[in-house]
Amino acid sequence: MDYTVDLVEKKQFRVMLHPVRQEMIHCLRLLGRPMSANEMAQKLQLSPSSAQSHLRKLVALGLVSELPRVGPDGTTLYFYQARNVRLRLCLGRKDAFQGEREALAANLTDGTFRSLLSTSYRHDEHSMEEYGILRFGALHLNTRQRRELMALVDGYLEQQGIPTGETEEHWEYVLMAYRAEQEL
């Protein structure tokens, strides 16, 4: 990961809670290559100036890179690419933005779940393991095992989050795990 963006300021939430910007991040992450504002505008059915405005807000937040390139006619063209950063919602923080944190977490989780459902409609139940997975349950871990699991998952996700020329499949994920209370 390049670095971590902690969501703690009102302007950060204004940027992240906009559904068009969430969709832009989604597109850039899945595509794994730079896109022009015009390409993004076409994909999301926006005007090019609107797409560029949204993308620049994501650049200012640090989630997207703006990559200038010289075109064949000598003009500067700008492309945008998702950065390899960790976005931390700071869910446990008790401040004025708790509702915004919860709304953003719900939006991101729901978007991935809806994409999984859409994929499941295109494939039969026997081939779904090639296209998506949804598992839930409980793990029974000691402290060492929990730390081991978290390090393993974090390391794997960071390593595979960087697109390479050898990439054949693009997978989107939401990983949720929490320490359950003993109130059963």
Protein backbone atom coordinates (compact mmCIF):
# COMPACT_ATOMS: atom_id res chain seq x y z
CA MET A 1 0.00 0.00 0.00
CA ASP A 2 1.21 3.48 -0.81
CA TYR A 3 -0.36 4.91 2.36
CA THR A 4 -3.58 5.09 4.39
CA VAL A 5 -6.34 7.68 4.07
CA ASP A 6 -8.22 8.08 7.35
CA LEU A 7 -11.69 9.58 6.93
CA VAL A 8 -11.88 12.16 9.70
CA GLU A 9 -12.86 15.47 8.03
CA LYS A 10 -16.18 16.73 6.71
CA LYS A 11 -14.77 17.43 3.22
CA GLN A 12 -13.53 13.83 2.97
CA PHE A 13 -17.00 12.50 3.69
CA ARG A 14 -18.53 14.89 1.14
CA VAL A 15 -16.20 13.45 -1.48
CA MET A 16 -16.69 9.80 -0.54
CA LEU A 17 -20.45 9.80 0.06
CA HIS A 18 -21.21 10.91 -3.50
CA PRO A 19 -22.49 7.82 -5.37
CA VAL A 20 -20.88 8.85 -8.68
CA ARG A 21 -17.45 9.04 -7.02
CA GLN A 22 -17.96 5.66 -5.37
CA GLU A 23 -18.79 4.22 -8.79
CA MET A 24 -15.69 5.87 -10.29
CA ILE A 25 -13.43 4.28 -7.68
CA HIS A 26 -15.18 0.98 -8.32
CA CYS A 27 -14.57 1.27 -12.09
CA LEU A 28 -10.93 2.31 -11.74
CA ARG A 29 -10.13 -0.48 -9.29
CA LEU A 30 -11.74 -3.16 -11.41
CA LEU A 31 -10.30 -1.90 -14.69
CA GLY A 32 -6.77 -1.82 -13.26
CA ARG A 33 -5.50 0.69 -15.83
CA PRO A 34 -5.69 4.47 -16.29
CA MET A 35 -8.84 5.97 -17.82
CA SER A 36 -9.43 9.38 -19.33
CA ALA A 37 -12.23 11.59 -18.05
CA ASN A 38 -13.94 11.07 -21.42
CA GLU A 39 -13.86 7.27 -21.02
CA MET A 40 -15.25 7.58 -17.51
CA ALA A 41 -17.94 10.00 -18.72
CA GLN A 42 -19.06 7.55 -21.39
CA LYS A 43 -19.09 4.62 -18.97
CA LEU A 44 -21.13 6.47 -16.33
CA GLN A 45 -23.19 8.57 -18.74
CA LEU A 46 -21.85 11.91 -17.51
CA SER A 47 -20.54 14.98 -19.28
CA PRO A 48 -16.74 14.95 -19.64
CA SER A 49 -16.44 18.11 -17.51
CA SER A 50 -18.55 16.55 -14.74
CA ALA A 51 -16.47 13.37 -14.83
CA GLN A 52 -13.25 15.37 -14.66
CA SER A 53 -14.56 17.42 -11.73
CA HIS A 54 -15.45 14.27 -9.78
CA LEU A 55 -12.11 12.63 -10.62
CA ARG A 56 -10.15 15.67 -9.45
CA LYS A 57 -11.91 15.52 -6.08
CA LEU A 58 -10.81 11.90 -5.76
CA VAL A 59 -7.27 12.99 -6.69
CA ALA A 60 -7.35 15.67 -3.96
CA LEU A 61 -8.45 13.04 -1.43
CA GLY A 62 -5.51 10.84 -2.47
CA LEU A 63 -7.49 7.84 -3.76
CA VAL A 64 -6.80 8.47 -7.46
CA SER A 65 -3.70 9.58 -9.38
CA GLU A 66 -3.83 12.08 -12.21
CA LEU A 67 -1.37 11.04 -14.91
CA PRO A 68 -0.49 13.64 -17.56
CA ARG A 69 0.50 12.30 -20.97
CA VAL A 70 1.45 14.14 -24.13
CA GLY A 71 -0.93 13.38 -27.00
CA PRO A 72 0.07 12.94 -30.65
CA ASP A 73 -0.68 16.60 -31.33
CA GLY A 74 1.46 17.79 -28.40
CA THR A 75 -1.43 18.60 -26.06
CA THR A 76 -1.45 17.28 -22.52
CA LEU A 77 -4.01 14.57 -21.86
CA TYR A 78 -4.94 13.50 -18.34
CA PHE A 79 -5.64 9.93 -17.30
CA TYR A 80 -6.82 8.74 -13.90
CA GLN A 81 -5.89 5.59 -12.03
CA ALA A 82 -6.90 4.18 -8.65
CA ARG A 83 -4.05 4.40 -6.16
CA ASN A 84 -2.98 1.49 -4.03
CA VAL A 85 -4.13 3.06 -0.77
CA ARG A 86 -6.00 1.80 2.24
CA LEU A 87 -9.17 3.74 2.96
CA ARG A 88 -9.86 3.58 6.68
CA LEU A 89 -13.36 4.55 7.78
CA CYS A 90 -12.37 4.77 11.47
CA LEU A 91 -15.62 3.05 12.45
CA GLY A 92 -14.88 3.02 16.18
CA ARG A 93 -14.29 6.77 16.37
CA LYS A 94 -16.88 8.65 18.41
CA ASP A 95 -17.35 12.00 16.71
CA ALA A 96 -19.85 13.98 14.62
CA PHE A 97 -19.28 11.78 11.55
CA GLN A 98 -20.37 8.42 12.95
CA GLY A 99 -23.51 8.41 10.77
CA GLU A 100 -21.48 9.23 7.65
CA ARG A 101 -19.05 6.42 8.43
CA GLU A 102 -21.88 3.94 8.83
CA ALA A 103 -23.59 5.13 5.61
CA LEU A 104 -20.36 4.83 3.62
CA ALA A 105 -19.61 1.36 5.01
CA ALA A 106 -23.17 0.27 4.16
CA ASN A 107 -22.91 1.72 0.61
CA LEU A 108 -19.59 0.02 -0.11
CA THR A 109 -20.76 -3.31 1.30
CA ASP A 110 -24.11 -3.14 -0.46
CA GLY A 111 -22.50 -2.24 -3.80
CA THR A 112 -20.29 -5.31 -3.70
CA PHE A 113 -23.19 -7.51 -2.59
CA ARG A 114 -25.38 -6.22 -5.44
CA SER A 115 -22.59 -6.94 -7.94
CA LEU A 116 -22.34 -10.49 -6.56
CA LEU A 117 -26.10 -10.92 -7.00
CA SER A 118 -25.91 -9.60 -10.55
CA THR A 119 -23.15 -12.12 -11.29
CA SER A 120 -25.21 -14.93 -9.78
CA TYR A 121 -28.09 -14.15 -12.15
CA ARG A 122 -25.79 -14.69 -15.14
CA HIS A 123 -24.47 -18.09 -14.02
CA ASP A 124 -26.01 -21.29 -12.73
CA GLU A 125 -25.44 -22.56 -9.20
CA HIS A 126 -22.90 -25.18 -10.31
CA SER A 127 -20.58 -22.71 -12.02
CA MET A 128 -20.92 -19.93 -9.44
CA GLU A 129 -17.77 -21.00 -7.57
CA GLU A 130 -15.84 -19.77 -10.64
CA TYR A 131 -17.48 -16.34 -10.41
CA GLY A 132 -18.30 -15.54 -6.80
CA ILE A 133 -18.48 -16.72 -3.25
CA LEU A 134 -20.47 -15.77 -0.19
CA ARG A 135 -19.60 -17.46 3.06
CA PHE A 136 -20.53 -16.73 6.60
CA GLY A 137 -19.95 -18.42 9.89
CA ALA A 138 -17.88 -18.13 13.03
CA LEU A 139 -14.21 -18.71 13.70
CA HIS A 140 -12.89 -19.75 17.09
CA LEU A 141 -9.42 -18.26 17.43
CA ASN A 142 -6.95 -17.42 20.11
CA THR A 143 -5.09 -14.09 19.97
CA ARG A 144 -2.11 -15.53 18.09
CA GLN A 145 -4.35 -17.16 15.48
CA ARG A 146 -6.34 -13.95 14.99
CA ARG A 147 -3.17 -11.95 14.42
CA GLU A 148 -1.86 -14.61 12.05
CA LEU A 149 -5.09 -14.63 10.05
CA MET A 150 -5.25 -10.82 9.81
CA ALA A 151 -1.62 -10.60 8.68
CA LEU A 152 -2.17 -13.32 6.09
CA VAL A 153 -5.32 -11.69 4.70
CA ASP A 154 -3.85 -8.16 4.71
CA GLY A 155 -0.67 -9.32 3.00
CA TYR A 156 -2.51 -11.27 0.33
CA LEU A 157 -4.98 -8.47 -0.43
CA GLU A 158 -2.20 -5.88 -0.65
CA GLN A 159 -0.11 -8.07 -2.94
CA GLN A 160 -3.00 -8.93 -5.28
CA GLY A 161 -4.44 -5.39 -5.26
CA ILE A 162 -1.78 -4.20 -7.70
CA PRO A 163 -2.68 -5.05 -11.31
CA THR A 164 -0.09 -6.83 -13.41
CA GLY A 165 0.06 -7.69 -17.08
CA GLU A 166 -0.59 -11.32 -16.17
CA THR A 167 -3.99 -10.63 -14.60
CA GLU A 168 -6.75 -12.78 -16.08
CA GLU A 169 -9.58 -12.18 -13.63
CA HIS A 170 -10.76 -9.18 -11.65
CA TRP A 171 -12.44 -9.86 -8.32
CA GLU A 172 -14.14 -7.41 -6.06
CA TYR A 173 -14.45 -8.15 -2.37
CA VAL A 174 -15.76 -6.97 0.95
CA LEU A 175 -14.22 -8.72 3.89
CA MET A 176 -15.97 -8.39 7.22
CA ALA A 177 -14.83 -9.96 10.41
CA TYR A 178 -15.24 -8.75 13.93
CA ARG A 179 -14.68 -9.99 17.42
CA ALA A 180 -18.09 -11.18 18.55
CA GLU A 181 -19.25 -10.48 22.06
CA GLN A 182 -19.73 -13.44 24.38
CA GLU A 183 -23.40 -12.53 25.04
CA LEU A 184 -24.94 -15.70 23.65
